[in-house]
């Protein structure tokens, strides 16, 4: 593969803990894809490990309308979760690239979190506001 070619993508099946929300995500293989481990307040509290597929690469089988959202701070990023089991699934970040969405790989079936290639992002210091209650 030359440097100009994008890595091949594979589908990962995913669901919330109770199974009310089921979907699949198409991204480069987690054997090569780095996963973001952010230390901002909400990523730490919810255990997010994130990848950033295009919205068109996320396909729902069920439960899309079942999700609830949580906004905080500047109220720019919608954190989507299952209201039945509380699983943190997505973040709709309204980033510079509107095609992307943030997906929590902890919801993927049959992955070994200990084998993921984690990239640490200092969201604690780089993403306002810092967490306060």
N, C-alpha and C. Protein backbone atom coordinates (compact mmCIF):
# COMPACT_ATOMS: atom_id res chain seq x y z
N UNK A 1 0.84 -1.18 0.00
CA UNK A 1 0.00 0.00 0.00
C UNK A 1 0.88 1.23 0.00
N UNK A 2 0.62 2.17 -0.89
CA UNK A 2 1.39 3.40 -0.93
C UNK A 2 0.88 4.34 0.15
N UNK A 3 1.66 5.39 0.41
CA UNK A 3 1.27 6.34 1.45
C UNK A 3 -0.01 7.07 1.13
N UNK A 4 -0.38 7.16 -0.15
CA UNK A 4 -1.58 7.90 -0.54
C UNK A 4 -2.85 7.06 -0.40
N UNK A 5 -2.72 5.76 -0.25
CA UNK A 5 -3.89 4.90 -0.13
C UNK A 5 -4.37 4.83 1.32
N UNK A 6 -5.68 4.89 1.48
CA UNK A 6 -6.27 4.75 2.81
C UNK A 6 -6.24 3.28 3.21
N UNK A 7 -6.08 2.98 4.49
CA UNK A 7 -6.10 1.58 4.92
C UNK A 7 -7.48 0.97 4.68
N UNK A 8 -7.49 -0.32 4.42
CA UNK A 8 -8.76 -1.03 4.22
C UNK A 8 -9.58 -0.94 5.51
N UNK A 9 -10.89 -0.83 5.33
CA UNK A 9 -11.78 -0.74 6.49
C UNK A 9 -12.51 -2.06 6.70
N UNK A 10 -12.83 -2.32 7.96
CA UNK A 10 -13.59 -3.52 8.33
C UNK A 10 -14.78 -3.09 9.19
N UNK A 11 -15.79 -3.94 9.22
CA UNK A 11 -16.97 -3.68 10.04
C UNK A 11 -16.81 -4.27 11.42
N UNK A 12 -17.21 -3.52 12.43
CA UNK A 12 -17.26 -4.00 13.81
C UNK A 12 -18.70 -3.92 14.29
N UNK A 13 -19.20 -5.03 14.79
CA UNK A 13 -20.54 -5.08 15.37
C UNK A 13 -20.46 -4.50 16.77
N UNK A 14 -21.52 -3.79 17.18
CA UNK A 14 -21.51 -3.14 18.50
C UNK A 14 -22.92 -3.07 19.06
N UNK A 15 -22.98 -2.91 20.36
CA UNK A 15 -24.27 -2.72 21.03
C UNK A 15 -24.03 -2.17 22.43
N UNK A 16 -25.11 -1.59 22.99
CA UNK A 16 -25.06 -1.16 24.38
C UNK A 16 -25.13 -2.40 25.26
N UNK A 17 -25.01 -2.24 26.55
CA UNK A 17 -24.98 -3.38 27.48
C UNK A 17 -26.27 -4.19 27.46
N UNK A 18 -27.42 -3.51 27.40
CA UNK A 18 -28.70 -4.22 27.45
C UNK A 18 -29.15 -4.71 26.07
N UNK A 19 -28.50 -4.26 25.01
CA UNK A 19 -28.85 -4.71 23.66
C UNK A 19 -29.96 -3.91 22.99
N UNK A 20 -30.45 -2.86 23.63
CA UNK A 20 -31.51 -2.05 23.03
C UNK A 20 -31.01 -1.28 21.81
N UNK A 21 -29.71 -0.96 21.78
CA UNK A 21 -29.12 -0.22 20.66
C UNK A 21 -28.07 -1.11 20.03
N UNK A 22 -28.29 -1.44 18.75
CA UNK A 22 -27.37 -2.31 18.01
C UNK A 22 -26.98 -1.61 16.72
N UNK A 23 -25.69 -1.71 16.39
CA UNK A 23 -25.18 -1.01 15.22
C UNK A 23 -23.87 -1.64 14.77
N UNK A 24 -23.35 -1.16 13.65
CA UNK A 24 -22.04 -1.59 13.19
C UNK A 24 -21.27 -0.35 12.73
N UNK A 25 -19.93 -0.46 12.81
CA UNK A 25 -19.06 0.66 12.51
C UNK A 25 -17.96 0.18 11.58
N UNK A 26 -17.70 0.96 10.53
CA UNK A 26 -16.66 0.62 9.57
C UNK A 26 -15.47 1.57 9.76
N UNK A 27 -14.33 0.98 10.17
CA UNK A 27 -13.10 1.72 10.41
C UNK A 27 -11.92 0.85 9.98
N UNK A 28 -10.72 1.44 9.89
CA UNK A 28 -9.54 0.58 9.70
C UNK A 28 -9.43 -0.41 10.85
N UNK A 29 -8.85 -1.55 10.59
CA UNK A 29 -8.72 -2.60 11.59
C UNK A 29 -8.12 -2.08 12.89
N UNK A 30 -8.68 -2.53 14.00
CA UNK A 30 -8.15 -2.13 15.30
C UNK A 30 -6.77 -2.72 15.57
N UNK A 31 -6.31 -3.59 14.69
CA UNK A 31 -4.94 -4.09 14.81
C UNK A 31 -3.95 -3.01 14.40
N UNK A 32 -4.41 -2.06 13.58
CA UNK A 32 -3.53 -0.97 13.12
C UNK A 32 -4.05 0.41 13.50
N UNK A 33 -5.34 0.54 13.68
CA UNK A 33 -5.98 1.83 14.00
C UNK A 33 -5.68 2.25 15.43
N UNK A 34 -5.19 3.46 15.62
CA UNK A 34 -4.99 3.97 16.97
C UNK A 34 -6.32 4.41 17.54
N UNK A 35 -6.49 4.20 18.84
CA UNK A 35 -7.71 4.53 19.55
C UNK A 35 -7.37 5.63 20.55
N UNK A 36 -8.20 6.67 20.57
CA UNK A 36 -7.94 7.81 21.44
C UNK A 36 -8.38 7.54 22.87
N UNK A 37 -7.45 7.72 23.79
CA UNK A 37 -7.70 7.62 25.22
C UNK A 37 -7.57 9.03 25.77
N UNK A 38 -8.71 9.71 25.90
CA UNK A 38 -8.74 11.11 26.33
C UNK A 38 -8.93 11.18 27.84
N UNK A 39 -8.29 12.16 28.47
CA UNK A 39 -8.41 12.31 29.92
C UNK A 39 -9.30 13.48 30.32
N UNK A 40 -10.17 13.94 29.42
CA UNK A 40 -11.11 14.99 29.81
C UNK A 40 -12.11 14.40 30.81
N UNK A 41 -12.87 15.26 31.45
CA UNK A 41 -13.73 14.80 32.53
C UNK A 41 -14.73 13.74 32.09
N UNK A 42 -15.41 13.94 30.98
CA UNK A 42 -16.46 12.99 30.61
C UNK A 42 -15.90 11.69 30.05
N UNK A 43 -14.79 11.77 29.32
CA UNK A 43 -14.18 10.53 28.83
C UNK A 43 -13.70 9.66 29.99
N UNK A 44 -13.14 10.30 31.01
CA UNK A 44 -12.70 9.55 32.20
C UNK A 44 -13.88 8.95 32.95
N UNK A 45 -14.90 9.75 33.18
CA UNK A 45 -16.06 9.28 33.95
C UNK A 45 -16.80 8.15 33.23
N UNK A 46 -16.86 8.21 31.89
CA UNK A 46 -17.63 7.22 31.13
C UNK A 46 -16.76 6.13 30.50
N UNK A 47 -15.46 6.21 30.63
CA UNK A 47 -14.58 5.17 30.10
C UNK A 47 -14.48 5.14 28.59
N UNK A 48 -14.64 6.28 27.95
CA UNK A 48 -14.55 6.33 26.49
C UNK A 48 -13.16 5.94 25.99
N UNK A 49 -13.13 5.12 24.95
CA UNK A 49 -11.96 4.88 24.11
C UNK A 49 -12.47 5.11 22.70
N UNK A 50 -11.96 6.12 22.01
CA UNK A 50 -12.64 6.64 20.82
C UNK A 50 -11.94 6.40 19.50
N UNK A 51 -12.78 6.19 18.48
CA UNK A 51 -12.37 6.23 17.09
C UNK A 51 -13.30 7.21 16.38
N UNK A 52 -12.93 7.61 15.16
CA UNK A 52 -13.62 8.71 14.49
C UNK A 52 -14.03 8.34 13.06
N UNK A 53 -15.04 7.49 12.92
CA UNK A 53 -15.49 7.13 11.57
C UNK A 53 -16.36 8.23 10.96
N UNK A 54 -16.56 8.11 9.65
CA UNK A 54 -17.54 8.96 8.99
C UNK A 54 -18.93 8.52 9.46
N UNK A 55 -19.84 9.47 9.52
CA UNK A 55 -21.21 9.15 9.93
C UNK A 55 -21.82 8.07 9.04
N UNK A 56 -21.47 8.08 7.77
CA UNK A 56 -22.01 7.09 6.83
C UNK A 56 -21.46 5.70 7.09
N UNK A 57 -20.41 5.60 7.91
CA UNK A 57 -19.82 4.31 8.26
C UNK A 57 -20.33 3.78 9.59
N UNK A 58 -21.41 4.36 10.08
CA UNK A 58 -22.11 3.87 11.27
C UNK A 58 -23.53 3.53 10.84
N UNK A 59 -23.88 2.25 10.96
CA UNK A 59 -25.19 1.77 10.51
C UNK A 59 -25.92 1.15 11.69
N UNK A 60 -27.12 1.63 11.94
CA UNK A 60 -27.92 1.13 13.07
C UNK A 60 -28.83 0.00 12.62
N UNK A 61 -28.88 -1.05 13.44
CA UNK A 61 -29.86 -2.12 13.28
C UNK A 61 -31.12 -1.79 14.08
N UNK A 62 -30.90 -1.27 15.30
CA UNK A 62 -32.03 -0.94 16.17
C UNK A 62 -31.59 0.06 17.23
N UNK A 63 -32.56 0.81 17.72
CA UNK A 63 -32.35 1.66 18.88
C UNK A 63 -31.84 3.06 18.63
N UNK A 64 -31.66 3.46 17.39
CA UNK A 64 -31.12 4.80 17.13
C UNK A 64 -31.99 5.87 17.80
N UNK A 65 -33.29 5.73 17.70
CA UNK A 65 -34.20 6.71 18.30
C UNK A 65 -34.35 6.52 19.81
N UNK A 66 -33.81 5.44 20.34
CA UNK A 66 -33.89 5.14 21.77
C UNK A 66 -32.84 5.93 22.56
N UNK A 67 -31.75 6.34 21.88
CA UNK A 67 -30.65 7.03 22.57
C UNK A 67 -31.09 8.37 23.14
N UNK A 68 -30.49 8.70 24.25
CA UNK A 68 -30.65 10.02 24.86
C UNK A 68 -29.33 10.76 24.74
N UNK A 69 -29.36 12.06 24.99
CA UNK A 69 -28.14 12.84 24.89
C UNK A 69 -27.91 13.68 26.13
N UNK A 70 -26.64 13.99 26.34
CA UNK A 70 -26.22 14.80 27.47
C UNK A 70 -25.28 15.87 26.94
N UNK A 71 -25.53 17.11 27.31
CA UNK A 71 -24.68 18.24 26.95
C UNK A 71 -24.19 18.90 28.23
N UNK A 72 -22.97 19.42 28.20
CA UNK A 72 -22.44 20.13 29.36
C UNK A 72 -21.47 21.19 28.89
N UNK A 73 -20.99 22.00 29.80
CA UNK A 73 -20.00 23.03 29.47
C UNK A 73 -20.52 23.97 28.39
N UNK A 74 -19.80 24.04 27.28
CA UNK A 74 -20.18 24.92 26.17
C UNK A 74 -21.33 24.35 25.34
N UNK A 75 -21.79 23.18 25.67
CA UNK A 75 -22.93 22.52 25.03
C UNK A 75 -22.75 22.36 23.51
N UNK A 76 -21.53 21.99 23.11
CA UNK A 76 -21.23 21.78 21.70
C UNK A 76 -21.24 20.31 21.32
N UNK A 77 -20.90 19.45 22.24
CA UNK A 77 -20.79 18.02 21.94
C UNK A 77 -21.93 17.25 22.59
N UNK A 78 -22.70 16.54 21.76
CA UNK A 78 -23.79 15.73 22.29
C UNK A 78 -23.26 14.34 22.60
N UNK A 79 -23.32 13.96 23.86
CA UNK A 79 -22.91 12.64 24.30
C UNK A 79 -24.14 11.75 24.29
N UNK A 80 -24.11 10.70 23.46
CA UNK A 80 -25.26 9.83 23.28
C UNK A 80 -25.08 8.57 24.11
N UNK A 81 -26.17 8.17 24.80
CA UNK A 81 -26.10 7.02 25.67
C UNK A 81 -27.43 6.28 25.66
N UNK A 82 -27.41 5.04 26.15
CA UNK A 82 -28.63 4.25 26.27
C UNK A 82 -29.29 4.61 27.60
N UNK A 83 -30.57 5.03 27.57
CA UNK A 83 -31.24 5.39 28.82
C UNK A 83 -31.62 4.18 29.67
N UNK A 84 -31.59 3.00 29.09
CA UNK A 84 -31.94 1.79 29.84
C UNK A 84 -30.76 1.30 30.67
N UNK A 85 -29.60 1.12 30.02
CA UNK A 85 -28.44 0.56 30.73
C UNK A 85 -27.35 1.59 31.03
N UNK A 86 -27.43 2.76 30.43
CA UNK A 86 -26.47 3.82 30.70
C UNK A 86 -25.19 3.77 29.89
N UNK A 87 -25.07 2.83 28.95
CA UNK A 87 -23.84 2.71 28.15
C UNK A 87 -23.58 3.99 27.35
N UNK A 88 -22.34 4.47 27.42
CA UNK A 88 -21.91 5.64 26.65
C UNK A 88 -21.47 5.18 25.28
N UNK A 89 -22.17 5.62 24.24
CA UNK A 89 -21.98 5.07 22.91
C UNK A 89 -21.24 5.99 21.94
N UNK A 90 -21.69 7.22 21.83
CA UNK A 90 -21.18 8.15 20.81
C UNK A 90 -21.02 9.54 21.39
N UNK A 91 -20.25 10.34 20.67
CA UNK A 91 -20.21 11.78 20.90
C UNK A 91 -20.38 12.42 19.53
N UNK A 92 -21.32 13.33 19.43
CA UNK A 92 -21.51 14.12 18.22
C UNK A 92 -20.81 15.44 18.48
N UNK A 93 -19.56 15.57 18.01
CA UNK A 93 -18.71 16.66 18.48
C UNK A 93 -18.88 18.00 17.75
N UNK A 94 -19.58 18.00 16.64
CA UNK A 94 -19.68 19.24 15.84
C UNK A 94 -18.27 19.79 15.58
N UNK A 95 -17.39 18.90 15.11
CA UNK A 95 -16.00 19.27 14.84
C UNK A 95 -15.90 20.01 13.52
N UNK A 96 -14.68 20.35 13.14
CA UNK A 96 -14.44 21.02 11.87
C UNK A 96 -14.89 20.16 10.70
N UNK A 97 -14.82 18.85 10.85
CA UNK A 97 -15.25 17.93 9.82
C UNK A 97 -16.63 17.38 10.20
N UNK A 98 -17.70 17.92 9.62
CA UNK A 98 -19.05 17.50 10.03
C UNK A 98 -19.39 16.07 9.63
N UNK A 99 -18.54 15.43 8.84
CA UNK A 99 -18.80 14.05 8.44
C UNK A 99 -18.43 13.05 9.53
N UNK A 100 -17.63 13.47 10.51
CA UNK A 100 -17.13 12.55 11.51
C UNK A 100 -18.00 12.51 12.76
N UNK A 101 -17.97 11.35 13.41
CA UNK A 101 -18.63 11.16 14.70
C UNK A 101 -17.66 10.39 15.59
N UNK A 102 -17.78 10.55 16.88
CA UNK A 102 -16.90 9.86 17.83
C UNK A 102 -17.63 8.61 18.32
N UNK A 103 -16.95 7.46 18.25
CA UNK A 103 -17.56 6.19 18.64
C UNK A 103 -16.70 5.54 19.73
N UNK A 104 -17.35 5.09 20.77
CA UNK A 104 -16.68 4.41 21.89
C UNK A 104 -16.47 2.93 21.53
N UNK A 105 -15.21 2.54 21.34
CA UNK A 105 -14.92 1.16 20.94
C UNK A 105 -15.21 0.14 22.04
N UNK A 106 -15.41 0.59 23.26
CA UNK A 106 -15.76 -0.35 24.33
C UNK A 106 -17.08 -1.07 24.07
N UNK A 107 -17.88 -0.55 23.17
CA UNK A 107 -19.16 -1.18 22.83
C UNK A 107 -19.01 -2.23 21.73
N UNK A 108 -17.85 -2.30 21.10
CA UNK A 108 -17.63 -3.26 20.02
C UNK A 108 -17.61 -4.68 20.58
N UNK A 109 -18.15 -5.60 19.81
CA UNK A 109 -18.14 -7.01 20.21
C UNK A 109 -16.77 -7.62 19.93
N UNK A 110 -16.38 -8.53 20.80
CA UNK A 110 -15.20 -9.37 20.59
C UNK A 110 -13.90 -8.61 20.36
N UNK A 111 -13.68 -7.56 21.14
CA UNK A 111 -12.38 -6.90 21.08
C UNK A 111 -11.69 -7.07 22.42
N UNK A 112 -10.38 -7.06 22.39
CA UNK A 112 -9.58 -7.15 23.61
C UNK A 112 -9.01 -5.76 23.85
N UNK A 113 -9.56 -5.03 24.80
CA UNK A 113 -9.14 -3.66 25.07
C UNK A 113 -7.65 -3.59 25.39
N UNK A 114 -7.10 -4.61 26.01
CA UNK A 114 -5.68 -4.61 26.35
C UNK A 114 -4.78 -4.67 25.13
N UNK A 115 -5.31 -5.05 23.98
CA UNK A 115 -4.50 -5.14 22.76
C UNK A 115 -4.65 -3.92 21.86
N UNK A 116 -5.46 -2.96 22.26
CA UNK A 116 -5.65 -1.76 21.45
C UNK A 116 -4.41 -0.88 21.51
N UNK A 117 -4.15 -0.19 20.40
CA UNK A 117 -3.07 0.78 20.35
C UNK A 117 -3.66 2.13 20.77
N UNK A 118 -3.37 2.53 22.00
CA UNK A 118 -3.96 3.75 22.53
C UNK A 118 -3.09 4.97 22.25
N UNK A 119 -3.75 6.04 21.87
CA UNK A 119 -3.11 7.33 21.70
C UNK A 119 -3.68 8.25 22.77
N UNK A 120 -2.82 8.76 23.63
CA UNK A 120 -3.28 9.59 24.74
C UNK A 120 -3.46 11.03 24.28
N UNK A 121 -4.65 11.56 24.57
CA UNK A 121 -4.98 12.95 24.26
C UNK A 121 -5.25 13.68 25.56
N UNK A 122 -4.60 14.82 25.76
CA UNK A 122 -4.74 15.59 26.99
C UNK A 122 -5.95 16.52 26.93
N UNK A 123 -7.12 15.92 26.96
CA UNK A 123 -8.35 16.70 26.95
C UNK A 123 -8.57 17.48 28.22
N UNK A 124 -7.99 17.02 29.33
CA UNK A 124 -8.13 17.73 30.60
C UNK A 124 -7.64 19.17 30.48
N UNK A 125 -6.51 19.35 29.81
CA UNK A 125 -5.93 20.68 29.67
C UNK A 125 -6.30 21.37 28.36
N UNK A 126 -6.72 20.61 27.35
CA UNK A 126 -6.95 21.21 26.03
C UNK A 126 -8.42 21.45 25.69
N UNK A 127 -9.34 20.84 26.42
CA UNK A 127 -10.76 21.00 26.10
C UNK A 127 -11.47 21.76 27.23
N UNK A 128 -11.99 22.94 26.93
CA UNK A 128 -12.72 23.66 27.98
C UNK A 128 -14.12 23.12 28.11
N UNK A 129 -14.80 23.31 29.21
CA UNK A 129 -14.23 23.79 30.46
C UNK A 129 -13.69 22.63 31.26
N UNK A 130 -12.79 22.92 32.18
CA UNK A 130 -12.33 21.86 33.07
C UNK A 130 -13.49 21.50 34.00
N UNK A 131 -13.51 20.27 34.40
CA UNK A 131 -14.62 19.70 35.16
C UNK A 131 -14.72 20.30 36.55
N UNK A 132 -15.91 20.77 36.88
CA UNK A 132 -16.21 21.25 38.23
C UNK A 132 -17.64 20.90 38.54
N UNK A 133 -17.91 20.53 39.78
CA UNK A 133 -19.28 20.28 40.22
C UNK A 133 -19.62 21.27 41.31
